[in-house]
Amino acid sequence: MAEKVAAIADAQRRGVVTDRFTAGEILAFTLVLANMWQLRDEDYLDLVPAERHRAAVVEAVHRLSAP
């Protein structure tokens, strides 16, 4: 995980990733978003059609990390 945090921190220094959150926070948010579809609770799974899961996560992470 330290390598990923370091890569995000480097991207923040270069201005391609926001610095509103720490590098660790961005990684944590990204991992939670990516893994949320692993929940087997139908209340969550029914909120977004399965074919939109990946696209929804990609868009959310993009918006979360945009400078």
PDB file of N, CA and C in Angstrom:
ATOM      1  N   MET A   1       0.823  -1.201   0.000  1.00  0.00           N
ATOM      2  CA  MET A   1       0.000   0.000   0.000  1.00  0.00           C
ATOM      3  C   MET A   1       0.863   1.260   0.000  1.00  0.00           C
ATOM      4  N   ALA A   2       2.016   1.189   0.631  1.00  0.00           N
ATOM      5  CA  ALA A   2       2.874   2.374   0.707  1.00  0.00           C
ATOM      6  C   ALA A   2       3.282   2.850  -0.684  1.00  0.00           C
ATOM      7  N   GLU A   3       3.503   1.925  -1.600  1.00  0.00           N
ATOM      8  CA  GLU A   3       3.875   2.311  -2.971  1.00  0.00           C
ATOM      9  C   GLU A   3       2.731   3.058  -3.658  1.00  0.00           C
ATOM     10  N   LYS A   4       1.517   2.614  -3.423  1.00  0.00           N
ATOM     11  CA  LYS A   4       0.355   3.267  -4.032  1.00  0.00           C
ATOM     12  C   LYS A   4       0.155   4.658  -3.451  1.00  0.00           C
ATOM     13  N   VAL A   5       0.302   4.778  -2.148  1.00  0.00           N
ATOM     14  CA  VAL A   5       0.184   6.092  -1.506  1.00  0.00           C
ATOM     15  C   VAL A   5       1.271   7.019  -2.042  1.00  0.00           C
ATOM     16  N   ALA A   6       2.472   6.505  -2.199  1.00  0.00           N
ATOM     17  CA  ALA A   6       3.573   7.321  -2.728  1.00  0.00           C
ATOM     18  C   ALA A   6       3.288   7.764  -4.157  1.00  0.00           C
ATOM     19  N   ALA A   7       2.711   6.896  -4.957  1.00  0.00           N
ATOM     20  CA  ALA A   7       2.373   7.254  -6.343  1.00  0.00           C
ATOM     21  C   ALA A   7       1.305   8.341  -6.382  1.00  0.00           C
ATOM     22  N   ILE A   8       0.325   8.242  -5.508  1.00  0.00           N
ATOM     23  CA  ILE A   8      -0.714   9.274  -5.442  1.00  0.00           C
ATOM     24  C   ILE A   8      -0.107  10.591  -4.965  1.00  0.00           C
ATOM     25  N   ALA A   9       0.751  10.535  -3.954  1.00  0.00           N
ATOM     26  CA  ALA A   9       1.408  11.743  -3.446  1.00  0.00           C
ATOM     27  C   ALA A   9       2.239  12.405  -4.537  1.00  0.00           C
ATOM     28  N   ASP A  10       2.911  11.600  -5.345  1.00  0.00           N
ATOM     29  CA  ASP A  10       3.682  12.146  -6.463  1.00  0.00           C
ATOM     30  C   ASP A  10       2.754  12.836  -7.459  1.00  0.00           C
ATOM     31  N   ALA A  11       1.642  12.217  -7.763  1.00  0.00           N
ATOM     32  CA  ALA A  11       0.665  12.816  -8.676  1.00  0.00           C
ATOM     33  C   ALA A  11       0.112  14.115  -8.096  1.00  0.00           C
ATOM     34  N   GLN A  12      -0.057  14.158  -6.787  1.00  0.00           N
ATOM     35  CA  GLN A  12      -0.514  15.393  -6.145  1.00  0.00           C
ATOM     36  C   GLN A  12       0.530  16.501  -6.307  1.00  0.00           C
ATOM     37  N   ARG A  13       1.788  16.163  -6.109  1.00  0.00           N
ATOM     38  CA  ARG A  13       2.859  17.161  -6.263  1.00  0.00           C
ATOM     39  C   ARG A  13       2.921  17.697  -7.692  1.00  0.00           C
ATOM     40  N   ARG A  14       2.601  16.836  -8.670  1.00  0.00           N
ATOM     41  CA  ARG A  14       2.617  17.244 -10.075  1.00  0.00           C
ATOM     42  C   ARG A  14       1.334  17.966 -10.475  1.00  0.00           C
ATOM     43  N   GLY A  15       0.352  18.004  -9.576  1.00  0.00           N
ATOM     44  CA  GLY A  15      -0.877  18.726  -9.832  1.00  0.00           C
ATOM     45  C   GLY A  15      -1.908  17.980 -10.658  1.00  0.00           C
ATOM     46  N   VAL A  16      -1.733  16.667 -10.822  1.00  0.00           N
ATOM     47  CA  VAL A  16      -2.698  15.901 -11.619  1.00  0.00           C
ATOM     48  C   VAL A  16      -3.747  15.205 -10.763  1.00  0.00           C
ATOM     49  N   VAL A  17      -3.553  15.235  -9.456  1.00  0.00           N
ATOM     50  CA  VAL A  17      -4.514  14.688  -8.495  1.00  0.00           C
ATOM     51  C   VAL A  17      -4.718  15.742  -7.411  1.00  0.00           C
ATOM     52  N   THR A  18      -5.940  15.883  -6.961  1.00  0.00           N
ATOM     53  CA  THR A  18      -6.257  16.890  -5.954  1.00  0.00           C
ATOM     54  C   THR A  18      -5.435  16.722  -4.674  1.00  0.00           C
ATOM     55  N   ASP A  19      -5.256  17.833  -3.989  1.00  0.00           N
ATOM     56  CA  ASP A  19      -4.622  17.771  -2.673  1.00  0.00           C
ATOM     57  C   ASP A  19      -5.643  18.099  -1.575  1.00  0.00           C
ATOM     58  N   ARG A  20      -6.935  18.089  -1.931  1.00  0.00           N
ATOM     59  CA  ARG A  20      -7.997  18.307  -0.925  1.00  0.00           C
ATOM     60  C   ARG A  20      -8.000  17.198   0.115  1.00  0.00           C
ATOM     61  N   PHE A  21      -7.554  16.017  -0.285  1.00  0.00           N
ATOM     62  CA  PHE A  21      -7.464  14.857   0.595  1.00  0.00           C
ATOM     63  C   PHE A  21      -6.015  14.389   0.606  1.00  0.00           C
ATOM     64  N   THR A  22      -5.619  13.716   1.669  1.00  0.00           N
ATOM     65  CA  THR A  22      -4.277  13.143   1.683  1.00  0.00           C
ATOM     66  C   THR A  22      -4.225  11.989   0.684  1.00  0.00           C
ATOM     67  N   ALA A  23      -3.024  11.601   0.315  1.00  0.00           N
ATOM     68  CA  ALA A  23      -2.858  10.474  -0.605  1.00  0.00           C
ATOM     69  C   ALA A  23      -3.472   9.210  -0.010  1.00  0.00           C
ATOM     70  N   GLY A  24      -3.303   9.010   1.278  1.00  0.00           N
ATOM     71  CA  GLY A  24      -3.882   7.841   1.941  1.00  0.00           C
ATOM     72  C   GLY A  24      -5.397   7.849   1.908  1.00  0.00           C
ATOM     73  N   GLU A  25      -5.980   9.028   2.089  1.00  0.00           N
ATOM     74  CA  GLU A  25      -7.444   9.132   2.025  1.00  0.00           C
ATOM     75  C   GLU A  25      -7.953   8.801   0.629  1.00  0.00           C
ATOM     76  N   ILE A  26      -7.288   9.319  -0.390  1.00  0.00           N
ATOM     77  CA  ILE A  26      -7.711   9.028  -1.766  1.00  0.00           C
ATOM     78  C   ILE A  26      -7.639   7.536  -2.042  1.00  0.00           C
ATOM     79  N   LEU A  27      -6.568   6.892  -1.617  1.00  0.00           N
ATOM     80  CA  LEU A  27      -6.456   5.446  -1.821  1.00  0.00           C
ATOM     81  C   LEU A  27      -7.552   4.712  -1.053  1.00  0.00           C
ATOM     82  N   ALA A  28      -7.794   5.098   0.179  1.00  0.00           N
ATOM     83  CA  ALA A  28      -8.834   4.436   0.981  1.00  0.00           C
ATOM     84  C   ALA A  28     -10.206   4.599   0.338  1.00  0.00           C
ATOM     85  N   PHE A  29     -10.541   5.810  -0.096  1.00  0.00           N
ATOM     86  CA  PHE A  29     -11.831   6.040  -0.747  1.00  0.00           C
ATOM     87  C   PHE A  29     -11.951   5.204  -2.019  1.00  0.00           C
ATOM     88  N   THR A  30     -10.883   5.163  -2.798  1.00  0.00           N
ATOM     89  CA  THR A  30     -10.882   4.400  -4.049  1.00  0.00           C
ATOM     90  C   THR A  30     -11.104   2.917  -3.783  1.00  0.00           C
ATOM     91  N   LEU A  31     -10.420   2.383  -2.781  1.00  0.00           N
ATOM     92  CA  LEU A  31     -10.568   0.961  -2.462  1.00  0.00           C
ATOM     93  C   LEU A  31     -11.980   0.640  -1.970  1.00  0.00           C
ATOM     94  N   VAL A  32     -12.526   1.517  -1.155  1.00  0.00           N
ATOM     95  CA  VAL A  32     -13.889   1.295  -0.656  1.00  0.00           C
ATOM     96  C   VAL A  32     -14.887   1.322  -1.810  1.00  0.00           C
ATOM     97  N   LEU A  33     -14.751   2.309  -2.678  1.00  0.00           N
ATOM     98  CA  LEU A  33     -15.661   2.398  -3.827  1.00  0.00           C
ATOM     99  C   LEU A  33     -15.541   1.168  -4.725  1.00  0.00           C
ATOM    100  N   ALA A  34     -14.312   0.760  -5.003  1.00  0.00           N
ATOM    101  CA  ALA A  34     -14.104  -0.385  -5.888  1.00  0.00           C
ATOM    102  C   ALA A  34     -14.629  -1.683  -5.287  1.00  0.00           C
ATOM    103  N   ASN A  35     -14.577  -1.786  -3.985  1.00  0.00           N
ATOM    104  CA  ASN A  35     -14.988  -3.025  -3.326  1.00  0.00           C
ATOM    105  C   ASN A  35     -16.439  -3.040  -2.869  1.00  0.00           C
ATOM    106  N   MET A  36     -17.144  -1.940  -3.022  1.00  0.00           N
ATOM    107  CA  MET A  36     -18.510  -1.895  -2.505  1.00  0.00           C
ATOM    108  C   MET A  36     -19.427  -2.887  -3.189  1.00  0.00           C
ATOM    109  N   TRP A  37     -19.129  -3.271  -4.417  1.00  0.00           N
ATOM    110  CA  TRP A  37     -19.982  -4.236  -5.116  1.00  0.00           C
ATOM    111  C   TRP A  37     -19.761  -5.654  -4.614  1.00  0.00           C
ATOM    112  N   GLN A  38     -18.763  -5.855  -3.775  1.00  0.00           N
ATOM    113  CA  GLN A  38     -18.533  -7.172  -3.191  1.00  0.00           C
ATOM    114  C   GLN A  38     -19.523  -7.482  -2.070  1.00  0.00           C
ATOM    115  N   LEU A  39     -20.187  -6.423  -1.587  1.00  0.00           N
ATOM    116  CA  LEU A  39     -21.208  -6.630  -0.570  1.00  0.00           C
ATOM    117  C   LEU A  39     -22.321  -7.475  -1.165  1.00  0.00           C
ATOM    118  N   ARG A  40     -22.855  -8.351  -0.399  1.00  0.00           N
ATOM    119  CA  ARG A  40     -23.925  -9.209  -0.912  1.00  0.00           C
ATOM    120  C   ARG A  40     -25.300  -8.749  -0.429  1.00  0.00           C
ATOM    121  N   ASP A  41     -25.363  -7.529   0.064  1.00  0.00           N
ATOM    122  CA  ASP A  41     -26.608  -6.962   0.540  1.00  0.00           C
ATOM    123  C   ASP A  41     -27.400  -6.426  -0.656  1.00  0.00           C
ATOM    124  N   GLU A  42     -28.543  -6.994  -0.910  1.00  0.00           N
ATOM    125  CA  GLU A  42     -29.333  -6.600  -2.076  1.00  0.00           C
ATOM    126  C   GLU A  42     -29.752  -5.137  -2.030  1.00  0.00           C
ATOM    127  N   ASP A  43     -29.859  -4.569  -0.827  1.00  0.00           N
ATOM    128  CA  ASP A  43     -30.208  -3.152  -0.731  1.00  0.00           C
ATOM    129  C   ASP A  43     -29.188  -2.288  -1.467  1.00  0.00           C
ATOM    130  N   TYR A  44     -27.912  -2.654  -1.392  1.00  0.00           N
ATOM    131  CA  TYR A  44     -26.869  -1.920  -2.102  1.00  0.00           C
ATOM    132  C   TYR A  44     -26.826  -2.308  -3.567  1.00  0.00           C
ATOM    133  N   LEU A  45     -26.853  -3.578  -3.830  1.00  0.00           N
ATOM    134  CA  LEU A  45     -26.712  -4.070  -5.191  1.00  0.00           C
ATOM    135  C   LEU A  45     -27.842  -3.600  -6.101  1.00  0.00           C
ATOM    136  N   ASP A  46     -29.030  -3.429  -5.559  1.00  0.00           N
ATOM    137  CA  ASP A  46     -30.168  -3.012  -6.364  1.00  0.00           C
ATOM    138  C   ASP A  46     -30.174  -1.514  -6.691  1.00  0.00           C
ATOM    139  N   LEU A  47     -29.325  -0.744  -6.033  1.00  0.00           N
ATOM    140  CA  LEU A  47     -29.308   0.697  -6.267  1.00  0.00           C
ATOM    141  C   LEU A  47     -28.756   1.070  -7.640  1.00  0.00           C
ATOM    142  N   VAL A  48     -27.822   0.273  -8.132  1.00  0.00           N
ATOM    143  CA  VAL A  48     -27.177   0.549  -9.418  1.00  0.00           C
ATOM    144  C   VAL A  48     -27.184  -0.738 -10.234  1.00  0.00           C
ATOM    145  N   PRO A  49     -27.624  -0.684 -11.468  1.00  0.00           N
ATOM    146  CA  PRO A  49     -27.622  -1.887 -12.293  1.00  0.00           C
ATOM    147  C   PRO A  49     -26.198  -2.450 -12.428  1.00  0.00           C
ATOM    148  N   ALA A  50     -26.080  -3.752 -12.456  1.00  0.00           N
ATOM    149  CA  ALA A  50     -24.774  -4.415 -12.495  1.00  0.00           C
ATOM    150  C   ALA A  50     -23.903  -3.913 -13.640  1.00  0.00           C
ATOM    151  N   GLU A  51     -24.504  -3.640 -14.777  1.00  0.00           N
ATOM    152  CA  GLU A  51     -23.705  -3.194 -15.928  1.00  0.00           C
ATOM    153  C   GLU A  51     -23.143  -1.788 -15.736  1.00  0.00           C
ATOM    154  N   ARG A  52     -23.582  -1.065 -14.724  1.00  0.00           N
ATOM    155  CA  ARG A  52     -23.073   0.280 -14.428  1.00  0.00           C
ATOM    156  C   ARG A  52     -22.077   0.309 -13.279  1.00  0.00           C
ATOM    157  N   HIS A  53     -21.850  -0.817 -12.605  1.00  0.00           N
ATOM    158  CA  HIS A  53     -20.968  -0.839 -11.435  1.00  0.00           C
ATOM    159  C   HIS A  53     -19.594  -0.248 -11.742  1.00  0.00           C
ATOM    160  N   ARG A  54     -18.931  -0.779 -12.738  1.00  0.00           N
ATOM    161  CA  ARG A  54     -17.576  -0.322 -13.035  1.00  0.00           C
ATOM    162  C   ARG A  54     -17.563   1.146 -13.439  1.00  0.00           C
ATOM    163  N   ALA A  55     -18.444   1.529 -14.335  1.00  0.00           N
ATOM    164  CA  ALA A  55     -18.481   2.916 -14.807  1.00  0.00           C
ATOM    165  C   ALA A  55     -18.768   3.890 -13.662  1.00  0.00           C
ATOM    166  N   ALA A  56     -19.638   3.499 -12.760  1.00  0.00           N
ATOM    167  CA  ALA A  56     -19.964   4.362 -11.624  1.00  0.00           C
ATOM    168  C   ALA A  56     -18.740   4.578 -10.732  1.00  0.00           C
ATOM    169  N   VAL A  57     -17.987   3.517 -10.488  1.00  0.00           N
ATOM    170  CA  VAL A  57     -16.777   3.634  -9.664  1.00  0.00           C
ATOM    171  C   VAL A  57     -15.734   4.485 -10.376  1.00  0.00           C
ATOM    172  N   VAL A  58     -15.528   4.257 -11.656  1.00  0.00           N
ATOM    173  CA  VAL A  58     -14.535   5.027 -12.413  1.00  0.00           C
ATOM    174  C   VAL A  58     -14.884   6.512 -12.352  1.00  0.00           C
ATOM    175  N   GLU A  59     -16.136   6.845 -12.587  1.00  0.00           N
ATOM    176  CA  GLU A  59     -16.546   8.261 -12.569  1.00  0.00           C
ATOM    177  C   GLU A  59     -16.396   8.852 -11.165  1.00  0.00           C
ATOM    178  N   ALA A  60     -16.770   8.109 -10.146  1.00  0.00           N
ATOM    179  CA  ALA A  60     -16.662   8.604  -8.770  1.00  0.00           C
ATOM    180  C   ALA A  60     -15.201   8.868  -8.388  1.00  0.00           C
ATOM    181  N   VAL A  61     -14.317   7.942  -8.727  1.00  0.00           N
ATOM    182  CA  VAL A  61     -12.903   8.121  -8.398  1.00  0.00           C
ATOM    183  C   VAL A  61     -12.325   9.285  -9.197  1.00  0.00           C
ATOM    184  N   HIS A  62     -12.730   9.409 -10.445  1.00  0.00           N
ATOM    185  CA  HIS A  62     -12.257  10.541 -11.258  1.00  0.00           C
ATOM    186  C   HIS A  62     -12.646  11.860 -10.608  1.00  0.00           C
ATOM    187  N   ARG A  63     -13.911  11.980 -10.213  1.00  0.00           N
ATOM    188  CA  ARG A  63     -14.379  13.225  -9.594  1.00  0.00           C
ATOM    189  C   ARG A  63     -13.736  13.463  -8.227  1.00  0.00           C
ATOM    190  N   LEU A  64     -13.522  12.397  -7.496  1.00  0.00           N
ATOM    191  CA  LEU A  64     -12.899  12.489  -6.170  1.00  0.00           C
ATOM    192  C   LEU A  64     -11.456  12.961  -6.258  1.00  0.00           C
ATOM    193  N   SER A  65     -10.759  12.543  -7.287  1.00  0.00           N
ATOM    194  CA  SER A  65      -9.319  12.815  -7.357  1.00  0.00           C
ATOM    195  C   SER A  65      -8.943  13.947  -8.307  1.00  0.00           C
ATOM    196  N   ALA A  66      -9.890  14.477  -9.056  1.00  0.00           N
ATOM    197  CA  ALA A  66      -9.569  15.548 -10.018  1.00  0.00           C
ATOM    198  C   ALA A  66      -9.059  16.785  -9.297  1.00  0.00           C
ATOM    199  N   PRO A  67      -8.039  17.419  -9.880  1.00  0.00           N
ATOM    200  CA  PRO A  67      -7.489  18.633  -9.250  1.00  0.00           C
ATOM    201  C   PRO A  67      -8.471  19.796  -9.302  1.00  0.00           C
TER     202      PRO A  67
END
